[in-house]
Protein backbone atom coordinates (compact mmCIF):
# COMPACT_ATOMS: atom_id res chain seq x y z
CA MET A 1 16.89 -5.42 3.25
CA ASP A 2 14.95 -2.69 1.62
CA PHE A 3 13.74 0.10 4.02
CA ASP A 4 12.06 2.20 1.31
CA LEU A 5 8.67 2.71 2.99
CA ASP A 6 6.97 3.38 -0.37
CA ASN A 7 7.94 0.07 -1.67
CA ASP A 8 6.42 -2.91 0.33
CA HIS A 9 7.23 -5.53 -2.36
CA GLY A 10 9.64 -8.30 -1.35
CA ARG A 11 9.27 -7.73 2.41
CA ASP A 12 8.21 -10.86 4.26
CA PHE A 13 7.45 -9.99 7.86
CA ASP A 14 6.66 -13.65 8.78
CA GLU A 15 10.14 -14.61 7.80
CA ILE A 16 11.86 -11.60 9.53
CA TRP A 17 9.96 -12.49 12.66
CA PHE A 18 10.68 -16.22 12.50
CA ASN A 19 14.41 -15.67 11.79
CA HIS A 20 14.92 -13.11 14.47
CA ALA A 21 13.01 -15.08 17.15
CA SER A 22 14.93 -18.17 16.21
CA GLN A 23 18.22 -16.21 16.67
CA LEU A 24 17.08 -15.06 20.11
CA MET A 25 16.27 -18.62 21.10
CA THR A 26 19.70 -19.80 19.91
CA ILE A 27 21.92 -16.99 21.10
CA ARG A 28 20.12 -15.97 24.29
CA ASN A 29 18.67 -19.34 25.20
CA ILE A 30 15.25 -17.99 25.91
CA SER A 31 11.81 -19.65 25.50
CA PRO A 32 10.05 -19.54 22.18
CA THR A 33 7.29 -17.44 23.63
CA ARG A 34 9.50 -14.82 25.04
CA ALA A 35 11.71 -14.77 21.85
CA ALA A 36 8.55 -14.20 19.71
CA ALA A 37 7.34 -11.38 21.99
CA ALA A 38 10.71 -9.72 22.03
CA SER A 39 11.12 -9.99 18.30
CA LEU A 40 7.63 -8.57 17.59
CA ALA A 41 8.28 -5.72 20.03
CA LEU A 42 11.47 -4.88 18.04
CA MET A 43 9.63 -5.14 14.76
CA ARG A 44 6.99 -2.70 16.03
CA ARG A 45 9.81 -0.19 16.67
CA VAL A 46 11.64 -0.67 13.40
CA PHE A 47 8.66 -0.97 11.08
CA GLY A 48 5.99 0.82 13.07
CA ARG A 49 5.27 3.49 10.42
CA ASP A 50 5.39 1.15 7.41
CA PRO A 51 1.90 0.66 5.97
CA ALA A 52 2.81 -2.93 4.82
CA PHE A 53 3.79 -3.75 8.38
CA MET A 54 0.57 -2.25 9.77
CA ARG A 55 -1.40 -4.45 7.40
CA TRP A 56 0.51 -7.49 8.36
CA ILE A 57 0.20 -6.82 12.16
CA ALA A 58 -3.52 -6.30 11.79
CA GLY A 59 -3.81 -9.75 10.22
CA LEU A 60 -2.00 -11.19 13.25
CA GLU A 61 -4.29 -9.48 15.70
CA ALA A 62 -7.50 -10.41 13.89
């Protein structure tokens, strides 16, 4: 995974979110809603200063 904050090409936050939430549901056996919320919280911590992530999250909140 590319963590170069100046290069937002090739980063698909939908896919990252879906895959991580799916892993939480499978491994931890938690509800889809809780898995999605936990995954999104982690993504906010990891990508919180990434301009591409901020644009993506703004689209979710709209």
